[in-house]
C-alpha atoms as a PDB file:
ATOM      1  CA  MET A   1       0.000   0.000   0.000  1.00  0.00           C
ATOM      2  CA  ALA A   2       3.012   2.305   0.196  1.00  0.00           C
ATOM      3  CA  ASP A   3       3.084   2.384  -3.607  1.00  0.00           C
ATOM      4  CA  LEU A   4       0.029   3.778  -5.388  1.00  0.00           C
ATOM      5  CA  LYS A   5       0.311   1.435  -8.391  1.00  0.00           C
ATOM      6  CA  GLU A   6       0.616  -1.595  -6.119  1.00  0.00           C
ATOM      7  CA  ALA A   7      -2.260  -0.374  -3.941  1.00  0.00           C
ATOM      8  CA  LYS A   8      -4.519  -0.127  -6.989  1.00  0.00           C
ATOM      9  CA  ARG A   9      -3.477  -3.647  -8.028  1.00  0.00           C
ATOM     10  CA  LEU A  10      -4.296  -5.044  -4.581  1.00  0.00           C
ATOM     11  CA  LEU A  11      -7.713  -3.389  -4.579  1.00  0.00           C
ATOM     12  CA  ALA A  12      -8.429  -4.657  -8.092  1.00  0.00           C
ATOM     13  CA  GLU A  13      -7.745  -8.205  -6.874  1.00  0.00           C
ATOM     14  CA  VAL A  14     -10.339  -8.045  -4.075  1.00  0.00           C
ATOM     15  CA  PRO A  15     -12.801 -10.878  -4.866  1.00  0.00           C
ATOM     16  CA  GLY A  16     -15.780  -9.370  -6.656  1.00  0.00           C
ATOM     17  CA  GLY A  17     -18.165 -12.311  -6.256  1.00  0.00           C
ATOM     18  CA  ASP A  18     -17.620 -12.914  -2.549  1.00  0.00           C
ATOM     19  CA  ALA A  19     -18.893  -9.908  -0.594  1.00  0.00           C
ATOM     20  CA  PRO A  20     -18.094 -11.236   2.914  1.00  0.00           C
ATOM     21  CA  LYS A  21     -14.511 -12.047   1.937  1.00  0.00           C
ATOM     22  CA  ALA A  22     -14.131  -8.724   0.105  1.00  0.00           C
ATOM     23  CA  VAL A  23     -15.389  -6.693   3.070  1.00  0.00           C
ATOM     24  CA  LYS A  24     -13.136  -8.594   5.467  1.00  0.00           C
ATOM     25  CA  GLU A  25     -10.113  -7.891   3.266  1.00  0.00           C
ATOM     26  CA  LEU A  26     -10.978  -4.216   2.788  1.00  0.00           C
ATOM     27  CA  THR A  27     -11.587  -3.799   6.526  1.00  0.00           C
ATOM     28  CA  HIS A  28      -8.101  -5.211   7.095  1.00  0.00           C
ATOM     29  CA  TRP A  29      -6.592  -2.741   4.631  1.00  0.00           C
ATOM     30  CA  LEU A  30      -8.333   0.195   6.315  1.00  0.00           C
ATOM     31  CA  GLU A  31      -7.052  -0.890   9.707  1.00  0.00           C
ATOM     32  CA  SER A  32      -3.557  -1.420   8.308  1.00  0.00           C
ATOM     33  CA  VAL A  33      -3.115   1.892   6.484  1.00  0.00           C
ATOM     34  CA  THR A  34      -4.662   3.928   9.310  1.00  0.00           C
ATOM     35  CA  ALA A  35      -2.270   2.417  11.857  1.00  0.00           C
ATOM     36  CA  ALA A  36       0.808   2.617   9.612  1.00  0.00           C
ATOM     37  CA  GLU A  37       3.373   5.340  10.186  1.00  0.00           C
ATOM     38  CA  GLY A  38       5.190   7.287   7.517  1.00  0.00           C
ATOM     39  CA  PHE A  39       2.394   7.953   5.029  1.00  0.00           C
ATOM     40  CA  LYS A  40       2.078  11.557   3.950  1.00  0.00           C
ATOM     41  CA  PRO A  41      -1.360  12.961   4.941  1.00  0.00           C
ATOM     42  CA  GLU A  42      -2.444  13.443   1.330  1.00  0.00           C
ATOM     43  CA  TYR A  43      -1.446   9.885   0.398  1.00  0.00           C
ATOM     44  CA  LEU A  44      -3.186   8.424   3.465  1.00  0.00           C
ATOM     45  CA  ALA A  45      -6.373  10.259   2.495  1.00  0.00           C
ATOM     46  CA  GLN A  46      -6.073   8.912  -1.043  1.00  0.00           C
ATOM     47  CA  LEU A  47      -5.647   5.335   0.212  1.00  0.00           C
ATOM     48  CA  VAL A  48      -8.569   5.497   2.658  1.00  0.00           C
ATOM     49  CA  THR A  49     -10.786   6.987  -0.041  1.00  0.00           C
ATOM     50  CA  MET A  50      -9.792   4.330  -2.600  1.00  0.00           C
ATOM     51  CA  ILE A  51     -10.453   1.496  -0.157  1.00  0.00           C
ATOM     52  CA  ASP A  52     -13.817   2.961   0.833  1.00  0.00           C
ATOM     53  CA  ASP A  53     -14.810   3.339  -2.823  1.00  0.00           C
ATOM     54  CA  ALA A  54     -13.873  -0.295  -3.460  1.00  0.00           C
ATOM     55  CA  ALA A  55     -16.047  -1.438  -0.539  1.00  0.00           C
ATOM     56  CA  GLN A  56     -19.331   0.248  -1.410  1.00  0.00           C
ATOM     57  CA  LEU A  57     -20.945  -2.377  -3.663  1.00  0.00           C
ATOM     58  CA  HIS A  58     -19.844  -5.196  -1.355  1.00  0.00           C
ATOM     59  CA  MET A  59     -21.230  -3.374   1.673  1.00  0.00           C
ATOM     60  CA  ARG A  60     -24.564  -2.836  -0.046  1.00  0.00           C
ATOM     61  CA  LYS A  61     -24.731  -6.578  -0.711  1.00  0.00           C
ATOM     62  CA  LEU A  62     -24.017  -7.463   2.926  1.00  0.00           C
ATOM     63  CA  GLN A  63     -26.520  -4.915   4.201  1.00  0.00           C
ATOM     64  CA  ARG A  64     -29.234  -6.237   1.875  1.00  0.00           C
ATOM     65  CA  ASP A  65     -28.478  -9.775   3.062  1.00  0.00           C
ATOM     66  CA  TYR A  66     -28.913  -8.700   6.684  1.00  0.00           C
ATOM     67  CA  ILE A  67     -32.035  -6.559   6.360  1.00  0.00           C
ATOM     68  CA  GLY A  68     -33.792  -8.687   3.756  1.00  0.00           C
ATOM     69  CA  ASN A  69     -33.294 -12.115   5.324  1.00  0.00           C
ATOM     70  CA  PRO A  70     -35.419 -12.684   8.432  1.00  0.00           C
ATOM     71  CA  ARG A  71     -34.416 -16.369   8.533  1.00  0.00           C
ATOM     72  CA  LEU A  72     -30.805 -15.832   9.556  1.00  0.00           C
ATOM     73  CA  SER A  73     -29.746 -17.890  12.550  1.00  0.00           C
ATOM     74  CA  LYS A  74     -28.480 -16.018  15.597  1.00  0.00           C
ATOM     75  CA  SER A  75     -24.890 -16.915  14.766  1.00  0.00           C
ATOM     76  CA  GLN A  76     -25.270 -15.889  11.104  1.00  0.00           C
ATOM     77  CA  GLU A  77     -26.937 -12.632  12.117  1.00  0.00           C
ATOM     78  CA  HIS A  78     -24.189 -11.827  14.612  1.00  0.00           C
ATOM     79  CA  LYS A  79     -21.409 -12.642  12.138  1.00  0.00           C
ATOM     80  CA  LEU A  80     -22.960 -10.508   9.388  1.00  0.00           C
ATOM     81  CA  TRP A  81     -23.769  -7.608  11.717  1.00  0.00           C
ATOM     82  CA  SER A  82     -20.243  -7.654  13.165  1.00  0.00           C
ATOM     83  CA  ALA A  83     -18.638  -7.575   9.703  1.00  0.00           C
ATOM     84  CA  ILE A  84     -20.784  -4.613   8.630  1.00  0.00           C
ATOM     85  CA  HIS A  85     -20.343  -2.652  11.851  1.00  0.00           C
ATOM     86  CA  GLU A  86     -16.592  -3.288  11.954  1.00  0.00           C
ATOM     87  CA  TYR A  87     -16.179  -2.033   8.396  1.00  0.00           C
ATOM     88  CA  TRP A  88     -17.961   1.242   9.162  1.00  0.00           C
ATOM     89  CA  HIS A  89     -15.917   1.571  12.356  1.00  0.00           C
ATOM     90  CA  ARG A  90     -12.637   1.250  10.439  1.00  0.00           C
ATOM     91  CA  SER A  91     -13.835   3.521   7.660  1.00  0.00           C
ATOM     92  CA  ALA A  92     -14.740   6.253  10.157  1.00  0.00           C
ATOM     93  CA  LEU A  93     -11.386   5.894  11.936  1.00  0.00           C
ATOM     94  CA  GLY A  94      -9.559   6.257   8.625  1.00  0.00           C
ATOM     95  CA  PHE A  95     -11.321   9.436   7.554  1.00  0.00           C
ATOM     96  CA  VAL A  96     -11.236  10.959  11.035  1.00  0.00           C
ATOM     97  CA  ALA A  97      -7.479  10.281  11.192  1.00  0.00           C
ATOM     98  CA  CYS A  98      -7.010  12.310   8.013  1.00  0.00           C
ATOM     99  CA  ILE A  99      -9.193  15.128   9.374  1.00  0.00           C
ATOM    100  CA  ASP A 100      -7.226  15.134  12.638  1.00  0.00           C
ATOM    101  CA  LEU A 101      -3.964  15.482  10.718  1.00  0.00           C
ATOM    102  CA  HIS A 102      -5.326  18.570   8.997  1.00  0.00           C
ATOM    103  CA  ALA A 103      -6.848  20.029  12.177  1.00  0.00           C
ATOM    104  CA  SER A 104      -3.611  19.588  14.144  1.00  0.00           C
ATOM    105  CA  GLY A 105      -1.482  21.189  11.448  1.00  0.00           C
ATOM    106  CA  ALA A 106       0.618  18.068  10.895  1.00  0.00           C
ATOM    107  CA  LYS A 107       3.470  18.316   8.429  1.00  0.00           C
ATOM    108  CA  GLY A 108       2.128  18.097   4.891  1.00  0.00           C
ATOM    109  CA  ALA A 109      -1.505  18.220   6.023  1.00  0.00           C
ATOM    110  CA  GLU A 110      -2.129  21.551   4.309  1.00  0.00           C
ATOM    111  CA  ALA A 111      -2.400  19.488   1.122  1.00  0.00           C
ATOM    112  CA  LEU A 112      -5.666  18.059   2.491  1.00  0.00           C
ATOM    113  CA  LYS A 113      -7.415  21.449   2.486  1.00  0.00           C
ATOM    114  CA  ALA A 114      -8.966  21.157  -0.991  1.00  0.00           C
ATOM    115  CA  GLY A 115     -10.324  17.674  -0.274  1.00  0.00           C
ATOM    116  CA  LEU A 116     -11.453  18.360   3.297  1.00  0.00           C
ATOM    117  CA  PRO A 117     -15.202  18.633   2.481  1.00  0.00           C
ATOM    118  CA  LEU A 118     -15.166  15.122   0.985  1.00  0.00           C
ATOM    119  CA  LEU A 119     -13.188  13.689   3.901  1.00  0.00           C
ATOM    120  CA  VAL A 120     -15.693  15.133   6.397  1.00  0.00           C
ATOM    121  CA  VAL A 121     -18.695  13.922   4.370  1.00  0.00           C
ATOM    122  CA  ARG A 122     -17.229  10.406   4.237  1.00  0.00           C
ATOM    123  CA  ALA A 123     -16.400  10.481   7.966  1.00  0.00           C
ATOM    124  CA  LEU A 124     -19.936  11.558   8.900  1.00  0.00           C
ATOM    125  CA  ARG A 125     -21.490   8.949   6.629  1.00  0.00           C
ATOM    126  CA  ALA A 126     -19.392   6.188   8.185  1.00  0.00           C
ATOM    127  CA  LEU A 127     -20.113   7.407  11.726  1.00  0.00           C
ATOM    128  CA  ALA A 128     -23.838   7.616  10.965  1.00  0.00           C
ATOM    129  CA  ALA A 129     -23.727   4.075   9.574  1.00  0.00           C
ATOM    130  CA  GLN A 130     -22.157   2.796  12.806  1.00  0.00           C
ATOM    131  CA  ILE A 131     -24.896   4.483  14.815  1.00  0.00           C
ATOM    132  CA  LYS A 132     -27.594   3.068  12.535  1.00  0.00           C
ATOM    133  CA  TRP A 133     -26.251  -0.466  12.921  1.00  0.00           C
ATOM    134  CA  GLN A 134     -26.350  -0.079  16.679  1.00  0.00           C
ATOM    135  CA  TYR A 135     -30.012   0.888  16.295  1.00  0.00           C
ATOM    136  CA  LEU A 136     -30.590  -2.272  14.281  1.00  0.00           C
ATOM    137  CA  ARG A 137     -29.362  -4.350  17.222  1.00  0.00           C
ATOM    138  CA  TYR A 138     -31.215  -2.133  19.759  1.00  0.00           C
ATOM    139  CA  GLY A 139     -28.036  -1.441  21.661  1.00  0.00           C
ATOM    140  CA  PRO A 140     -25.842  -1.317  23.538  1.00  0.00           C
ATOM    141  CA  PHE A 141     -25.468   2.261  22.315  1.00  0.00           C
ATOM    142  CA  ASP A 142     -22.105   3.968  22.316  1.00  0.00           C
ATOM    143  CA  ASN A 143     -22.747   7.701  22.561  1.00  0.00           C
ATOM    144  CA  SER A 144     -19.051   8.452  22.013  1.00  0.00           C
ATOM    145  CA  ARG A 145     -19.855   8.266  18.291  1.00  0.00           C
ATOM    146  CA  TRP A 146     -21.988  11.389  18.687  1.00  0.00           C
ATOM    147  CA  SER A 147     -19.060  13.194  20.284  1.00  0.00           C
ATOM    148  CA  VAL A 148     -16.987  12.490  17.161  1.00  0.00           C
ATOM    149  CA  VAL A 149     -19.880  13.482  14.870  1.00  0.00           C
ATOM    150  CA  ALA A 150     -20.181  16.788  16.754  1.00  0.00           C
ATOM    151  CA  LYS A 151     -16.453  17.543  16.664  1.00  0.00           C
ATOM    152  CA  VAL A 152     -16.093  16.703  12.969  1.00  0.00           C
ATOM    153  CA  TYR A 153     -19.131  18.795  12.063  1.00  0.00           C
ATOM    154  CA  ALA A 154     -17.971  21.711  14.250  1.00  0.00           C
ATOM    155  CA  LEU A 155     -14.598  21.639  12.496  1.00  0.00           C
ATOM    156  CA  ALA A 156     -16.330  21.866   9.110  1.00  0.00           C
ATOM    157  CA  GLU A 157     -18.345  24.848  10.324  1.00  0.00           C
ATOM    158  CA  SER A 158     -15.220  26.579  11.575  1.00  0.00           C
ATOM    159  CA  ARG A 159     -13.531  26.008   8.199  1.00  0.00           C
ATOM    160  CA  LYS A 160     -16.675  27.291   6.419  1.00  0.00           C
ATOM    161  CA  ILE A 161     -16.998  24.157   4.295  1.00  0.00           C
ATOM    162  CA  ALA A 162     -20.232  22.738   5.731  1.00  0.00           C
ATOM    163  CA  ALA A 163     -22.314  23.754   2.702  1.00  0.00           C
ATOM    164  CA  ALA A 164     -19.833  22.666   0.011  1.00  0.00           C
ATOM    165  CA  LYS A 165     -21.308  20.047  -2.333  1.00  0.00           C
ATOM    166  CA  VAL A 166     -19.181  17.015  -3.223  1.00  0.00           C
ATOM    167  CA  GLU A 167     -19.599  13.787  -5.181  1.00  0.00           C
ATOM    168  CA  VAL A 168     -19.551  11.270  -2.355  1.00  0.00           C
ATOM    169  CA  HIS A 169     -18.318   8.122  -4.127  1.00  0.00           C
ATOM    170  CA  ALA A 170     -16.467   7.812  -7.403  1.00  0.00           C
ATOM    171  CA  GLY A 171     -18.650   6.147 -10.015  1.00  0.00           C
ATOM    172  CA  LEU A 172     -21.824   6.339  -7.938  1.00  0.00           C
ATOM    173  CA  PRO A 173     -24.433   9.076  -8.478  1.00  0.00           C
ATOM    174  CA  GLY A 174     -25.308  11.586  -5.810  1.00  0.00           C
ATOM    175  CA  GLU A 175     -23.892  14.716  -4.236  1.00  0.00           C
ATOM    176  CA  SER A 176     -23.997  15.733  -0.609  1.00  0.00           C
ATOM    177  CA  SER A 177     -22.518  18.222   1.834  1.00  0.00           C
ATOM    178  CA  VAL A 178     -21.226  18.123   5.393  1.00  0.00           C
ATOM    179  CA  GLU A 179     -24.374  19.809   6.677  1.00  0.00           C
ATOM    180  CA  GLN A 180     -26.618  17.424   4.760  1.00  0.00           C
ATOM    181  CA  GLU A 181     -24.813  14.342   6.148  1.00  0.00           C
ATOM    182  CA  PHE A 182     -24.946  15.763   9.654  1.00  0.00           C
ATOM    183  CA  LEU A 183     -28.679  16.411   9.379  1.00  0.00           C
ATOM    184  CA  ARG A 184     -29.315  12.934   7.964  1.00  0.00           C
ATOM    185  CA  ALA A 185     -27.736  11.409  11.062  1.00  0.00           C
ATOM    186  CA  VAL A 186     -29.570  13.800  13.391  1.00  0.00           C
ATOM    187  CA  MET A 187     -32.988  13.257  11.820  1.00  0.00           C
ATOM    188  CA  LEU A 188     -32.679   9.460  11.834  1.00  0.00           C
ATOM    189  CA  SER A 189     -31.786   9.534  15.514  1.00  0.00           C
ATOM    190  CA  ALA A 190     -34.739  11.843  16.213  1.00  0.00           C
ATOM    191  CA  SER A 191     -37.134   9.432  14.449  1.00  0.00           C
ATOM    192  CA  SER A 192     -37.094   7.086  17.486  1.00  0.00           C
ATOM    193  CA  PRO A 193     -35.358   4.196  15.686  1.00  0.00           C
ATOM    194  CA  ASP A 194     -35.251   2.223  18.931  1.00  0.00           C
ATOM    195  CA  SER A 195     -39.018   1.768  18.561  1.00  0.00           C
ATOM    196  CA  LEU A 196     -38.876   0.649  14.901  1.00  0.00           C
ATOM    197  CA  LEU A 197     -38.375  -2.752  13.309  1.00  0.00           C
ATOM    198  CA  PRO A 198     -35.151  -3.209  11.312  1.00  0.00           C
ATOM    199  CA  THR A 199     -37.019  -2.895   8.010  1.00  0.00           C
ATOM    200  CA  GLU A 200     -38.645   0.301   9.275  1.00  0.00           C
ATOM    201  CA  ILE A 201     -35.272   1.751  10.286  1.00  0.00           C
ATOM    202  CA  GLU A 202     -33.987   0.990   6.791  1.00  0.00           C
ATOM    203  CA  LEU A 203     -37.019   2.636   5.215  1.00  0.00           C
ATOM    204  CA  ALA A 204     -36.749   5.668   7.496  1.00  0.00           C
ATOM    205  CA  GLU A 205     -33.097   6.101   6.536  1.00  0.00           C
ATOM    206  CA  ARG A 206     -33.931   5.930   2.829  1.00  0.00           C
ATOM    207  CA  LEU A 207     -36.767   8.421   3.107  1.00  0.00           C
ATOM    208  CA  ILE A 208     -34.541  10.794   5.071  1.00  0.00           C
ATOM    209  CA  ALA A 209     -31.830  10.479   2.409  1.00  0.00           C
ATOM    210  CA  GLN A 210     -34.359  11.322  -0.328  1.00  0.00           C
ATOM    211  CA  VAL A 211     -35.496  14.540   1.338  1.00  0.00           C
ATOM    212  CA  SER A 212     -32.312  15.528   3.176  1.00  0.00           C
ATOM    213  CA  GLY A 213     -31.650  18.380   0.767  1.00  0.00           C
ATOM    214  CA  SER A 214     -34.672  20.148   2.262  1.00  0.00           C
ATOM    215  CA  PHE A 215     -33.581  19.795   5.890  1.00  0.00           C
ATOM    216  CA  ARG A 216     -32.199  22.895   7.537  1.00  0.00           C
ATOM    217  CA  LEU A 217     -30.043  23.704  10.511  1.00  0.00           C
ATOM    218  CA  ALA A 218     -30.657  26.677  12.809  1.00  0.00           C
ATOM    219  CA  LEU A 219     -28.998  28.269  15.823  1.00  0.00           C
ATOM    220  CA  ASP A 220     -32.280  29.334  17.421  1.00  0.00           C
ATOM    221  CA  GLN A 221     -35.836  28.048  17.615  1.00  0.00           C
ATOM    222  CA  GLN A 222     -37.853  28.488  14.406  1.00  0.00           C
ATOM    223  CA  PRO A 223     -41.012  27.005  12.857  1.00  0.00           C
ATOM    224  CA  ASP A 224     -40.606  23.393  11.654  1.00  0.00           C
ATOM    225  CA  ILE A 225     -37.649  22.796  13.981  1.00  0.00           C
ATOM    226  CA  ALA A 226     -38.065  19.267  15.306  1.00  0.00           C
ATOM    227  CA  CYS A 227     -34.945  18.380  17.274  1.00  0.00           C
ATOM    228  CA  TRP A 228     -31.706  19.658  18.753  1.00  0.00           C
ATOM    229  CA  ILE A 229     -28.171  18.533  19.518  1.00  0.00           C
ATOM    230  CA  ASP A 230     -25.448  20.019  21.717  1.00  0.00           C
ATOM    231  CA  LEU A 231     -22.099  19.907  19.910  1.00  0.00           C
ATOM    232  CA  ALA A 232     -20.262  20.288  23.221  1.00  0.00           C
ATOM    233  CA  THR A 233     -21.490  16.919  24.551  1.00  0.00           C
ATOM    234  CA  ASP A 234     -21.682  13.293  23.454  1.00  0.00           C
ATOM    235  CA  HIS A 235     -25.469  13.180  23.799  1.00  0.00           C
ATOM    236  CA  PRO A 236     -27.492  12.036  20.787  1.00  0.00           C
ATOM    237  CA  PRO A 237     -30.066  14.387  19.234  1.00  0.00           C
ATOM    238  CA  LEU A 238     -33.331  14.874  21.109  1.00  0.00           C
ATOM    239  CA  ARG A 239     -36.771  16.001  20.052  1.00  0.00           C
ATOM    240  CA  LEU A 240     -38.043  19.374  21.228  1.00  0.00           C
ATOM    241  CA  ALA A 241     -40.412  17.563  23.566  1.00  0.00           C
ATOM    242  CA  ARG A 242     -37.260  17.412  25.718  1.00  0.00           C
ATOM    243  CA  PRO A 243     -35.855  20.939  25.264  1.00  0.00           C
ATOM    244  CA  PRO A 244     -32.253  21.892  26.100  1.00  0.00           C
ATOM    245  CA  HIS A 245     -31.669  22.326  29.810  1.00  0.00           C
ATOM    246  CA  ARG A 246     -29.361  25.272  29.427  1.00  0.00           C
ATOM    247  CA  ALA A 247     -29.947  28.707  27.980  1.00  0.00           C
ATOM    248  CA  PRO A 248     -29.140  29.393  24.302  1.00  0.00           C
ATOM    249  CA  HIS A 249     -25.558  28.357  23.743  1.00  0.00           C
ATOM    250  CA  PRO A 250     -23.174  28.574  20.750  1.00  0.00           C
ATOM    251  CA  ALA A 251     -22.866  24.769  20.680  1.00  0.00           C
ATOM    252  CA  LEU A 252     -26.610  24.160  20.281  1.00  0.00           C
ATOM    253  CA  ARG A 253     -27.874  23.242  16.807  1.00  0.00           C
ATOM    254  CA  ARG A 254     -31.501  22.722  15.881  1.00  0.00           C
ATOM    255  CA  GLY A 255     -32.660  20.605  12.960  1.00  0.00           C
ATOM    256  CA  GLY A 256     -35.908  20.904  11.027  1.00  0.00           C
ATOM    257  CA  GLN A 257     -37.740  19.590   8.021  1.00  0.00           C
ATOM    258  CA  GLY A 258     -37.988  22.770   6.002  1.00  0.00           C
ATOM    259  CA  GLY A 259     -39.963  21.669   2.940  1.00  0.00           C
ATOM    260  CA  ALA A 260     -39.130  18.034   3.555  1.00  0.00           C
ATOM    261  CA  GLY A 261     -42.235  17.053   5.520  1.00  0.00           C
ATOM    262  CA  SER A 262     -44.774  16.961   2.702  1.00  0.00           C
ATOM    263  CA  ARG A 263     -42.263  15.455   0.299  1.00  0.00           C
ATOM    264  CA  ALA A 264     -41.412  12.673   2.744  1.00  0.00           C
ATOM    265  CA  ALA A 265     -45.095  11.870   3.200  1.00  0.00           C
ATOM    266  CA  HIS A 266     -45.532  11.722  -0.576  1.00  0.00           C
ATOM    267  CA  LEU A 267     -42.502   9.452  -1.019  1.00  0.00           C
ATOM    268  CA  GLN A 268     -43.682   7.207   1.784  1.00  0.00           C
ATOM    269  CA  HIS A 269     -47.108   6.887   0.142  1.00  0.00           C
ATOM    270  CA  LEU A 270     -45.502   5.980  -3.191  1.00  0.00           C
ATOM    271  CA  ARG A 271     -42.898   3.544  -1.915  1.00  0.00           C
ATOM    272  CA  ILE A 272     -44.072   1.927   1.233  1.00  0.00           C
ATOM    273  CA  SER A 273     -45.977  -0.986  -0.299  1.00  0.00           C
ATOM    274  CA  HIS A 274     -43.237  -1.587  -2.871  1.00  0.00           C
ATOM    275  CA  HIS A 275     -40.164  -1.285  -0.667  1.00  0.00           C
ATOM    276  CA  PRO A 276     -37.984  -4.378  -1.230  1.00  0.00           C
ATOM    277  CA  PHE A 277     -37.268  -4.846   2.478  1.00  0.00           C
ATOM    278  CA  ILE A 278     -40.881  -4.610   3.671  1.00  0.00           C
ATOM    279  CA  ALA A 279     -42.234  -8.141   3.876  1.00  0.00           C
ATOM    280  CA  ARG A 280     -45.203  -7.663   6.173  1.00  0.00           C
ATOM    281  CA  PRO A 281     -48.655  -7.388   4.538  1.00  0.00           C
ATOM    282  CA  GLY A 282     -49.721  -3.775   4.247  1.00  0.00           C
ATOM    283  CA  GLY A 283     -46.165  -2.437   4.668  1.00  0.00           C
ATOM    284  CA  VAL A 284     -45.084  -0.584   7.806  1.00  0.00           C
END
């Protein structure tokens, strides 16, 4: 992996028809390059990004196998869940390591400035995926993930890159921004996923992704604001039914639907009976 040409060859040799084996190998490479010493920050970011790109189709396959197969044995379910969660854990560590190098002013890290929006978007997406997969197992919940989400997002705000649009994955359609990824994670958490079935969590995440461009973030209370999060803590987002205990504070952020509410309802009406993961008669 220390040589770009060799790294590309290794990634090209990852088995395409065996998703579990591919994800295991790519997880190993993420762990290896993140722990290695001597990589220049820009090259480390390039490696982590390449590995994460290579994993996307395999991860989608594993996630479909988990959500769409209610007949998995307990051991099969645990093995599949662990592989998925571990991948997202390593992916988040890799991207956060690159962001930390830039934030700390490490030698050569100035070269990461142009690509910082993409690194933060990828980090937030991986962190949000870890949190989602904890929801799917109904705990135990590790709120330290929210502390990292808050710090990464706050850094993006301070660098004034939160609104910058980026293509998230090479070869896959779809743009996003740091703010949009942050709000996707916040709104899923605020949707009470601990009271939903796994298929309903999956559907909620997909609906949120469809309408996330309409979500908005505010510093103070406004109409359509549904939830809040304190960037200075590791607490997950809460609905306004449980308002902040302290007075208005610079670390408080409030999330709302904007024009997303009616669109989400329309999408839900169109998709709910046809969603590939919904097996129960009548949908959710």
